[in-house]
Amino acid sequence: QFTTLVPGTRTPLLKGINFQVPAGQTLAVVGPSGSGK
């Protein structure tokens, strides 16, 4: 449930992120520009 904001504002950059990466696995994060990668 990770959420973070633009510094000095209440505008969210990430909203309620949930995922797990087991040890030793490789995870790719994809998405359009400005998606929060």
PDB file of all heavy atoms in Angstrom:
ATOM      1  N   GLN A   1       0.824  -1.218   0.000  1.00  0.00           N
ATOM      2  CA  GLN A   1       0.000   0.000   0.000  1.00  0.00           C
ATOM      3  C   GLN A   1       0.858   1.268   0.000  1.00  0.00           C
ATOM      4  O   GLN A   1       0.568   2.248   0.699  1.00  0.00           O
ATOM      5  CB  GLN A   1      -0.942   0.006   1.222  1.00  0.00           C
ATOM      6  CG  GLN A   1      -2.014  -1.044   1.186  1.00  0.00           C
ATOM      7  CD  GLN A   1      -2.995  -0.830   0.028  1.00  0.00           C
ATOM      8  OE1 GLN A   1      -3.315   0.306  -0.320  1.00  0.00           O
ATOM      9  NE2 GLN A   1      -3.452  -1.925  -0.562  1.00  0.00           N
ATOM     10  N   PHE A   2       1.905   1.272  -0.806  1.00  0.00           N
ATOM     11  CA  PHE A   2       2.855   2.385  -0.778  1.00  0.00           C
ATOM     12  C   PHE A   2       2.320   3.571  -1.572  1.00  0.00           C
ATOM     13  O   PHE A   2       1.902   3.446  -2.716  1.00  0.00           O
ATOM     14  CB  PHE A   2       4.207   1.942  -1.353  1.00  0.00           C
ATOM     15  CG  PHE A   2       5.269   2.992  -1.233  1.00  0.00           C
ATOM     16  CD1 PHE A   2       5.972   3.156  -0.058  1.00  0.00           C
ATOM     17  CD2 PHE A   2       5.557   3.840  -2.300  1.00  0.00           C
ATOM     18  CE1 PHE A   2       6.954   4.128   0.055  1.00  0.00           C
ATOM     19  CE2 PHE A   2       6.522   4.810  -2.194  1.00  0.00           C
ATOM     20  CZ  PHE A   2       7.232   4.955  -1.010  1.00  0.00           C
ATOM     21  N   THR A   3       2.364   4.738  -0.926  1.00  0.00           N
ATOM     22  CA  THR A   3       1.948   5.996  -1.548  1.00  0.00           C
ATOM     23  C   THR A   3       3.003   7.051  -1.254  1.00  0.00           C
ATOM     24  O   THR A   3       3.508   7.138  -0.140  1.00  0.00           O
ATOM     25  CB  THR A   3       0.589   6.466  -0.996  1.00  0.00           C
ATOM     26  OG1 THR A   3      -0.406   5.476  -1.301  1.00  0.00           O
ATOM     27  CG2 THR A   3       0.170   7.794  -1.610  1.00  0.00           C
ATOM     28  N   THR A   4       3.337   7.831  -2.263  1.00  0.00           N
ATOM     29  CA  THR A   4       4.277   8.939  -2.059  1.00  0.00           C
ATOM     30  C   THR A   4       3.767  10.166  -2.799  1.00  0.00           C
ATOM     31  O   THR A   4       2.980  10.051  -3.745  1.00  0.00           O
ATOM     32  CB  THR A   4       5.691   8.564  -2.543  1.00  0.00           C
ATOM     33  OG1 THR A   4       6.598   9.602  -2.178  1.00  0.00           O
ATOM     34  CG2 THR A   4       5.734   8.351  -4.044  1.00  0.00           C
ATOM     35  N   LEU A   5       4.212  11.347  -2.356  1.00  0.00           N
ATOM     36  CA  LEU A   5       3.675  12.611  -2.851  1.00  0.00           C
ATOM     37  C   LEU A   5       4.753  13.438  -3.532  1.00  0.00           C
ATOM     38  O   LEU A   5       5.956  13.237  -3.296  1.00  0.00           O
ATOM     39  CB  LEU A   5       3.075  13.422  -1.685  1.00  0.00           C
ATOM     40  CG  LEU A   5       2.067  12.713  -0.788  1.00  0.00           C
ATOM     41  CD1 LEU A   5       1.687  13.616   0.387  1.00  0.00           C
ATOM     42  CD2 LEU A   5       0.826  12.319  -1.580  1.00  0.00           C
ATOM     43  N   VAL A   6       4.322  14.385  -4.356  1.00  0.00           N
ATOM     44  CA  VAL A   6       5.230  15.394  -4.888  1.00  0.00           C
ATOM     45  C   VAL A   6       5.758  16.211  -3.709  1.00  0.00           C
ATOM     46  O   VAL A   6       4.972  16.651  -2.858  1.00  0.00           O
ATOM     47  CB  VAL A   6       4.501  16.315  -5.888  1.00  0.00           C
ATOM     48  CG1 VAL A   6       5.429  17.437  -6.352  1.00  0.00           C
ATOM     49  CG2 VAL A   6       3.987  15.516  -7.073  1.00  0.00           C
ATOM     50  N   PRO A   7       7.094  16.400  -3.587  1.00  0.00           N
ATOM     51  CA  PRO A   7       7.646  17.127  -2.433  1.00  0.00           C
ATOM     52  C   PRO A   7       6.983  18.473  -2.222  1.00  0.00           C
ATOM     53  O   PRO A   7       6.837  19.265  -3.147  1.00  0.00           O
ATOM     54  CB  PRO A   7       9.130  17.283  -2.812  1.00  0.00           C
ATOM     55  CG  PRO A   7       9.409  16.130  -3.719  1.00  0.00           C
ATOM     56  CD  PRO A   7       8.141  15.921  -4.495  1.00  0.00           C
ATOM     57  N   GLY A   8       6.541  18.715  -0.987  1.00  0.00           N
ATOM     58  CA  GLY A   8       5.936  19.986  -0.624  1.00  0.00           C
ATOM     59  C   GLY A   8       4.481  20.140  -1.015  1.00  0.00           C
ATOM     60  O   GLY A   8       3.918  21.221  -0.848  1.00  0.00           O
ATOM     61  N   THR A   9       3.852  19.068  -1.544  1.00  0.00           N
ATOM     62  CA  THR A   9       2.446  19.147  -1.947  1.00  0.00           C
ATOM     63  C   THR A   9       1.702  17.921  -1.427  1.00  0.00           C
ATOM     64  O   THR A   9       2.284  17.056  -0.789  1.00  0.00           O
ATOM     65  CB  THR A   9       2.299  19.212  -3.483  1.00  0.00           C
ATOM     66  OG1 THR A   9       2.618  17.918  -4.036  1.00  0.00           O
ATOM     67  CG2 THR A   9       3.241  20.247  -4.077  1.00  0.00           C
ATOM     68  N   ARG A  10       0.408  17.871  -1.729  1.00  0.00           N
ATOM     69  CA  ARG A  10      -0.401  16.694  -1.404  1.00  0.00           C
ATOM     70  C   ARG A  10      -0.757  15.912  -2.660  1.00  0.00           C
ATOM     71  O   ARG A  10      -1.639  15.060  -2.655  1.00  0.00           O
ATOM     72  CB  ARG A  10      -1.693  17.129  -0.696  1.00  0.00           C
ATOM     73  CG  ARG A  10      -1.494  17.899   0.598  1.00  0.00           C
ATOM     74  CD  ARG A  10      -0.740  17.085   1.626  1.00  0.00           C
ATOM     75  NE  ARG A  10      -1.448  15.862   1.968  1.00  0.00           N
ATOM     76  CZ  ARG A  10      -0.953  14.906   2.744  1.00  0.00           C
ATOM     77  NH1 ARG A  10       0.286  15.020   3.225  1.00  0.00           N
ATOM     78  NH2 ARG A  10      -1.655  13.822   3.018  1.00  0.00           N
ATOM     79  N   THR A  11      -0.053  16.193  -3.761  1.00  0.00           N
ATOM     80  CA  THR A  11      -0.317  15.509  -5.032  1.00  0.00           C
ATOM     81  C   THR A  11       0.380  14.159  -5.055  1.00  0.00           C
ATOM     82  O   THR A  11       1.610  14.100  -4.885  1.00  0.00           O
ATOM     83  CB  THR A  11       0.172  16.353  -6.215  1.00  0.00           C
ATOM     84  OG1 THR A  11      -0.428  17.650  -6.144  1.00  0.00           O
ATOM     85  CG2 THR A  11      -0.171  15.681  -7.529  1.00  0.00           C
ATOM     86  N   PRO A  12      -0.344  13.068  -5.225  1.00  0.00           N
ATOM     87  CA  PRO A  12       0.306  11.748  -5.185  1.00  0.00           C
ATOM     88  C   PRO A  12       1.089  11.456  -6.460  1.00  0.00           C
ATOM     89  O   PRO A  12       0.663  11.787  -7.571  1.00  0.00           O
ATOM     90  CB  PRO A  12      -0.878  10.782  -5.036  1.00  0.00           C
ATOM     91  CG  PRO A  12      -2.040  11.506  -5.632  1.00  0.00           C
ATOM     92  CD  PRO A  12      -1.809  12.968  -5.377  1.00  0.00           C
ATOM     93  N   LEU A  13       2.255  10.853  -6.261  1.00  0.00           N
ATOM     94  CA  LEU A  13       3.041  10.341  -7.384  1.00  0.00           C
ATOM     95  C   LEU A  13       2.785   8.852  -7.586  1.00  0.00           C
ATOM     96  O   LEU A  13       2.679   8.374  -8.702  1.00  0.00           O
ATOM     97  CB  LEU A  13       4.532  10.587  -7.137  1.00  0.00           C
ATOM     98  CG  LEU A  13       5.022  12.026  -7.273  1.00  0.00           C
ATOM     99  CD1 LEU A  13       6.442  12.151  -6.744  1.00  0.00           C
ATOM    100  CD2 LEU A  13       4.950  12.490  -8.708  1.00  0.00           C
ATOM    101  N   LEU A  14       2.724   8.134  -6.472  1.00  0.00           N
ATOM    102  CA  LEU A  14       2.386   6.714  -6.486  1.00  0.00           C
ATOM    103  C   LEU A  14       1.195   6.507  -5.569  1.00  0.00           C
ATOM    104  O   LEU A  14       1.111   7.127  -4.502  1.00  0.00           O
ATOM    105  CB  LEU A  14       3.566   5.860  -6.006  1.00  0.00           C
ATOM    106  CG  LEU A  14       4.854   5.924  -6.838  1.00  0.00           C
ATOM    107  CD1 LEU A  14       5.942   5.073  -6.187  1.00  0.00           C
ATOM    108  CD2 LEU A  14       4.612   5.472  -8.273  1.00  0.00           C
ATOM    109  N   LYS A  15       0.288   5.607  -5.966  1.00  0.00           N
ATOM    110  CA  LYS A  15      -0.954   5.438  -5.213  1.00  0.00           C
ATOM    111  C   LYS A  15      -1.180   3.960  -4.895  1.00  0.00           C
ATOM    112  O   LYS A  15      -1.469   3.163  -5.794  1.00  0.00           O
ATOM    113  CB  LYS A  15      -2.136   5.985  -6.028  1.00  0.00           C
ATOM    114  CG  LYS A  15      -2.052   7.481  -6.303  1.00  0.00           C
ATOM    115  CD  LYS A  15      -3.043   7.937  -7.342  1.00  0.00           C
ATOM    116  CE  LYS A  15      -2.572   7.613  -8.749  1.00  0.00           C
ATOM    117  NZ  LYS A  15      -3.409   8.219  -9.800  1.00  0.00           N
ATOM    118  N   GLY A  16      -1.024   3.596  -3.623  1.00  0.00           N
ATOM    119  CA  GLY A  16      -1.371   2.258  -3.152  1.00  0.00           C
ATOM    120  C   GLY A  16      -0.676   1.126  -3.892  1.00  0.00           C
ATOM    121  O   GLY A  16      -1.328   0.166  -4.306  1.00  0.00           O
ATOM    122  N   ILE A  17       0.632   1.220  -4.047  1.00  0.00           N
ATOM    123  CA  ILE A  17       1.387   0.204  -4.783  1.00  0.00           C
ATOM    124  C   ILE A  17       1.524  -1.063  -3.939  1.00  0.00           C
ATOM    125  O   ILE A  17       1.901  -1.009  -2.768  1.00  0.00           O
ATOM    126  CB  ILE A  17       2.780   0.728  -5.176  1.00  0.00           C
ATOM    127  CG1 ILE A  17       2.641   2.015  -6.003  1.00  0.00           C
ATOM    128  CG2 ILE A  17       3.566  -0.333  -5.937  1.00  0.00           C
ATOM    129  CD1 ILE A  17       1.980   1.831  -7.328  1.00  0.00           C
ATOM    130  N   ASN A  18       1.228  -2.220  -4.547  1.00  0.00           N
ATOM    131  CA  ASN A  18       1.364  -3.513  -3.878  1.00  0.00           C
ATOM    132  C   ASN A  18       2.027  -4.503  -4.837  1.00  0.00           C
ATOM    133  O   ASN A  18       1.540  -4.692  -5.957  1.00  0.00           O
ATOM    134  CB  ASN A  18       0.003  -4.085  -3.460  1.00  0.00           C
ATOM    135  CG  ASN A  18      -0.549  -3.405  -2.219  1.00  0.00           C
ATOM    136  OD1 ASN A  18      -0.068  -3.634  -1.116  1.00  0.00           O
ATOM    137  ND2 ASN A  18      -1.542  -2.553  -2.413  1.00  0.00           N
ATOM    138  N   PHE A  19       3.126  -5.114  -4.413  1.00  0.00           N
ATOM    139  CA  PHE A  19       3.714  -6.235  -5.142  1.00  0.00           C
ATOM    140  C   PHE A  19       4.837  -6.827  -4.298  1.00  0.00           C
ATOM    141  O   PHE A  19       5.295  -6.213  -3.328  1.00  0.00           O
ATOM    142  CB  PHE A  19       4.241  -5.818  -6.525  1.00  0.00           C
ATOM    143  CG  PHE A  19       5.430  -4.897  -6.488  1.00  0.00           C
ATOM    144  CD1 PHE A  19       6.732  -5.392  -6.494  1.00  0.00           C
ATOM    145  CD2 PHE A  19       5.252  -3.525  -6.472  1.00  0.00           C
ATOM    146  CE1 PHE A  19       7.824  -4.546  -6.473  1.00  0.00           C
ATOM    147  CE2 PHE A  19       6.340  -2.666  -6.446  1.00  0.00           C
ATOM    148  CZ  PHE A  19       7.623  -3.175  -6.440  1.00  0.00           C
ATOM    149  N   GLN A  20       5.268  -8.011  -4.669  1.00  0.00           N
ATOM    150  CA  GLN A  20       6.373  -8.692  -3.992  1.00  0.00           C
ATOM    151  C   GLN A  20       7.347  -9.231  -5.035  1.00  0.00           C
ATOM    152  O   GLN A  20       6.948  -9.634  -6.125  1.00  0.00           O
ATOM    153  CB  GLN A  20       5.868  -9.843  -3.119  1.00  0.00           C
ATOM    154  CG  GLN A  20       5.101  -9.394  -1.885  1.00  0.00           C
ATOM    155  CD  GLN A  20       4.743 -10.569  -0.989  1.00  0.00           C
ATOM    156  OE1 GLN A  20       4.872 -11.717  -1.397  1.00  0.00           O
ATOM    157  NE2 GLN A  20       4.286 -10.270   0.211  1.00  0.00           N
ATOM    158  N   VAL A  21       8.632  -9.208  -4.662  1.00  0.00           N
ATOM    159  CA  VAL A  21       9.679  -9.785  -5.500  1.00  0.00           C
ATOM    160  C   VAL A  21      10.445 -10.796  -4.648  1.00  0.00           C
ATOM    161  O   VAL A  21      11.150 -10.399  -3.723  1.00  0.00           O
ATOM    162  CB  VAL A  21      10.644  -8.708  -6.041  1.00  0.00           C
ATOM    163  CG1 VAL A  21      11.676  -9.350  -6.976  1.00  0.00           C
ATOM    164  CG2 VAL A  21       9.893  -7.600  -6.752  1.00  0.00           C
ATOM    165  N   PRO A  22      10.301 -12.087  -4.912  1.00  0.00           N
ATOM    166  CA  PRO A  22      11.071 -13.085  -4.159  1.00  0.00           C
ATOM    167  C   PRO A  22      12.569 -12.891  -4.387  1.00  0.00           C
ATOM    168  O   PRO A  22      12.999 -12.348  -5.417  1.00  0.00           O
ATOM    169  CB  PRO A  22      10.585 -14.417  -4.736  1.00  0.00           C
ATOM    170  CG  PRO A  22       9.262 -14.103  -5.354  1.00  0.00           C
ATOM    171  CD  PRO A  22       9.366 -12.701  -5.862  1.00  0.00           C
ATOM    172  N   ALA A  23      13.345 -13.331  -3.438  1.00  0.00           N
ATOM    173  CA  ALA A  23      14.791 -13.203  -3.544  1.00  0.00           C
ATOM    174  C   ALA A  23      15.296 -13.927  -4.778  1.00  0.00           C
ATOM    175  O   ALA A  23      14.885 -15.041  -5.088  1.00  0.00           O
ATOM    176  CB  ALA A  23      15.452 -13.778  -2.291  1.00  0.00           C
ATOM    177  N   GLY A  24      16.187 -13.261  -5.509  1.00  0.00           N
ATOM    178  CA  GLY A  24      16.802 -13.870  -6.682  1.00  0.00           C
ATOM    179  C   GLY A  24      16.018 -13.714  -7.964  1.00  0.00           C
ATOM    180  O   GLY A  24      16.502 -14.094  -9.028  1.00  0.00           O
ATOM    181  N   GLN A  25      14.815 -13.164  -7.910  1.00  0.00           N
ATOM    182  CA  GLN A  25      14.037 -12.982  -9.136  1.00  0.00           C
ATOM    183  C   GLN A  25      14.373 -11.649  -9.807  1.00  0.00           C
ATOM    184  O   GLN A  25      14.900 -10.721  -9.186  1.00  0.00           O
ATOM    185  CB  GLN A  25      12.539 -13.042  -8.839  1.00  0.00           C
ATOM    186  CG  GLN A  25      11.991 -14.446  -8.753  1.00  0.00           C
ATOM    187  CD  GLN A  25      10.489 -14.480  -9.036  1.00  0.00           C
ATOM    188  OE1 GLN A  25       9.846 -13.472  -9.262  1.00  0.00           O
ATOM    189  NE2 GLN A  25       9.939 -15.681  -9.023  1.00  0.00           N
ATOM    190  N   THR A  26      14.031 -11.574 -11.089  1.00  0.00           N
ATOM    191  CA  THR A  26      14.243 -10.360 -11.873  1.00  0.00           C
ATOM    192  C   THR A  26      12.887  -9.809 -12.301  1.00  0.00           C
ATOM    193  O   THR A  26      12.093 -10.510 -12.920  1.00  0.00           O
ATOM    194  CB  THR A  26      15.098 -10.659 -13.115  1.00  0.00           C
ATOM    195  OG1 THR A  26      16.357 -11.176 -12.691  1.00  0.00           O
ATOM    196  CG2 THR A  26      15.331  -9.397 -13.921  1.00  0.00           C
ATOM    197  N   LEU A  27      12.649  -8.542 -11.948  1.00  0.00           N
ATOM    198  CA  LEU A  27      11.369  -7.897 -12.236  1.00  0.00           C
ATOM    199  C   LEU A  27      11.602  -6.718 -13.171  1.00  0.00           C
ATOM    200  O   LEU A  27      12.457  -5.855 -12.908  1.00  0.00           O
ATOM    201  CB  LEU A  27      10.721  -7.399 -10.944  1.00  0.00           C
ATOM    202  CG  LEU A  27       9.438  -6.569 -11.094  1.00  0.00           C
ATOM    203  CD1 LEU A  27       8.280  -7.456 -11.527  1.00  0.00           C
ATOM    204  CD2 LEU A  27       9.103  -5.834  -9.799  1.00  0.00           C
ATOM    205  N   ALA A  28      10.852  -6.657 -14.257  1.00  0.00           N
ATOM    206  CA  ALA A  28      10.871  -5.501 -15.155  1.00  0.00           C
ATOM    207  C   ALA A  28       9.688  -4.606 -14.813  1.00  0.00           C
ATOM    208  O   ALA A  28       8.577  -5.083 -14.588  1.00  0.00           O
ATOM    209  CB  ALA A  28      10.801  -5.954 -16.606  1.00  0.00           C
ATOM    210  N   VAL A  29       9.931  -3.310 -14.765  1.00  0.00           N
ATOM    211  CA  VAL A  29       8.872  -2.321 -14.527  1.00  0.00           C
ATOM    212  C   VAL A  29       8.685  -1.546 -15.816  1.00  0.00           C
ATOM    213  O   VAL A  29       9.625  -0.915 -16.320  1.00  0.00           O
ATOM    214  CB  VAL A  29       9.243  -1.376 -13.371  1.00  0.00           C
ATOM    215  CG1 VAL A  29       8.112  -0.384 -13.118  1.00  0.00           C
ATOM    216  CG2 VAL A  29       9.557  -2.163 -12.106  1.00  0.00           C
ATOM    217  N   VAL A  30       7.487  -1.609 -16.384  1.00  0.00           N
ATOM    218  CA  VAL A  30       7.219  -0.975 -17.669  1.00  0.00           C
ATOM    219  C   VAL A  30       6.008  -0.062 -17.541  1.00  0.00           C
ATOM    220  O   VAL A  30       5.246  -0.146 -16.579  1.00  0.00           O
ATOM    221  CB  VAL A  30       6.965  -2.030 -18.775  1.00  0.00           C
ATOM    222  CG1 VAL A  30       8.166  -2.944 -18.947  1.00  0.00           C
ATOM    223  CG2 VAL A  30       5.709  -2.844 -18.468  1.00  0.00           C
ATOM    224  N   GLY A  31       5.854   0.787 -18.535  1.00  0.00           N
ATOM    225  CA  GLY A  31       4.729   1.711 -18.551  1.00  0.00           C
ATOM    226  C   GLY A  31       5.089   2.942 -19.338  1.00  0.00           C
ATOM    227  O   GLY A  31       6.267   3.202 -19.637  1.00  0.00           O
ATOM    228  N   PRO A  32       4.115   3.751 -19.704  1.00  0.00           N
ATOM    229  CA  PRO A  32       4.394   4.971 -20.474  1.00  0.00           C
ATOM    230  C   PRO A  32       5.149   5.991 -19.630  1.00  0.00           C
ATOM    231  O   PRO A  32       5.237   5.885 -18.408  1.00  0.00           O
ATOM    232  CB  PRO A  32       2.991   5.480 -20.843  1.00  0.00           C
ATOM    233  CG  PRO A  32       2.096   4.915 -19.788  1.00  0.00           C
ATOM    234  CD  PRO A  32       2.683   3.576 -19.421  1.00  0.00           C
ATOM    235  N   SER A  33       5.698   6.992 -20.297  1.00  0.00           N
ATOM    236  CA  SER A  33       6.385   8.074 -19.594  1.00  0.00           C
ATOM    237  C   SER A  33       5.430   8.754 -18.618  1.00  0.00           C
ATOM    238  O   SER A  33       4.275   9.021 -18.951  1.00  0.00           O
ATOM    239  CB  SER A  33       6.919   9.100 -20.598  1.00  0.00           C
ATOM    240  OG  SER A  33       7.872   8.509 -21.454  1.00  0.00           O
ATOM    241  N   GLY A  34       5.933   9.018 -17.412  1.00  0.00           N
ATOM    242  CA  GLY A  34       5.104   9.646 -16.387  1.00  0.00           C
ATOM    243  C   GLY A  34       4.228   8.686 -15.628  1.00  0.00           C
ATOM    244  O   GLY A  34       3.386   9.113 -14.824  1.00  0.00           O
ATOM    245  N   SER A  35       4.418   7.387 -15.833  1.00  0.00           N
ATOM    246  CA  SER A  35       3.580   6.409 -15.137  1.00  0.00           C
ATOM    247  C   SER A  35       4.038   6.156 -13.709  1.00  0.00           C
ATOM    248  O   SER A  35       3.314   5.540 -12.930  1.00  0.00           O
ATOM    249  CB  SER A  35       3.559   5.088 -15.912  1.00  0.00           C
ATOM    250  OG  SER A  35       4.872   4.556 -16.035  1.00  0.00           O
ATOM    251  N   GLY A  36       5.255   6.598 -13.363  1.00  0.00           N
ATOM    252  CA  GLY A  36       5.738   6.426 -11.994  1.00  0.00           C
ATOM    253  C   GLY A  36       6.838   5.391 -11.850  1.00  0.00           C
ATOM    254  O   GLY A  36       7.180   5.025 -10.723  1.00  0.00           O
ATOM    255  N   LYS A  37       7.431   4.950 -12.946  1.00  0.00           N
ATOM    256  CA  LYS A  37       8.473   3.926 -12.878  1.00  0.00           C
ATOM    257  C   LYS A  37       9.683   4.419 -12.088  1.00  0.00           C
ATOM    258  O   LYS A  37      10.145   3.761 -11.153  1.00  0.00           O
ATOM    259  CB  LYS A  37       8.904   3.510 -14.289  1.00  0.00           C
ATOM    260  CG  LYS A  37       7.796   2.949 -15.160  1.00  0.00           C
ATOM    261  CD  LYS A  37       8.312   2.400 -16.468  1.00  0.00           C
ATOM    262  CE  LYS A  37       9.054   3.431 -17.287  1.00  0.00           C
ATOM    263  NZ  LYS A  37       8.205   4.566 -17.698  1.00  0.00           N
TER     264      LYS A  37
END
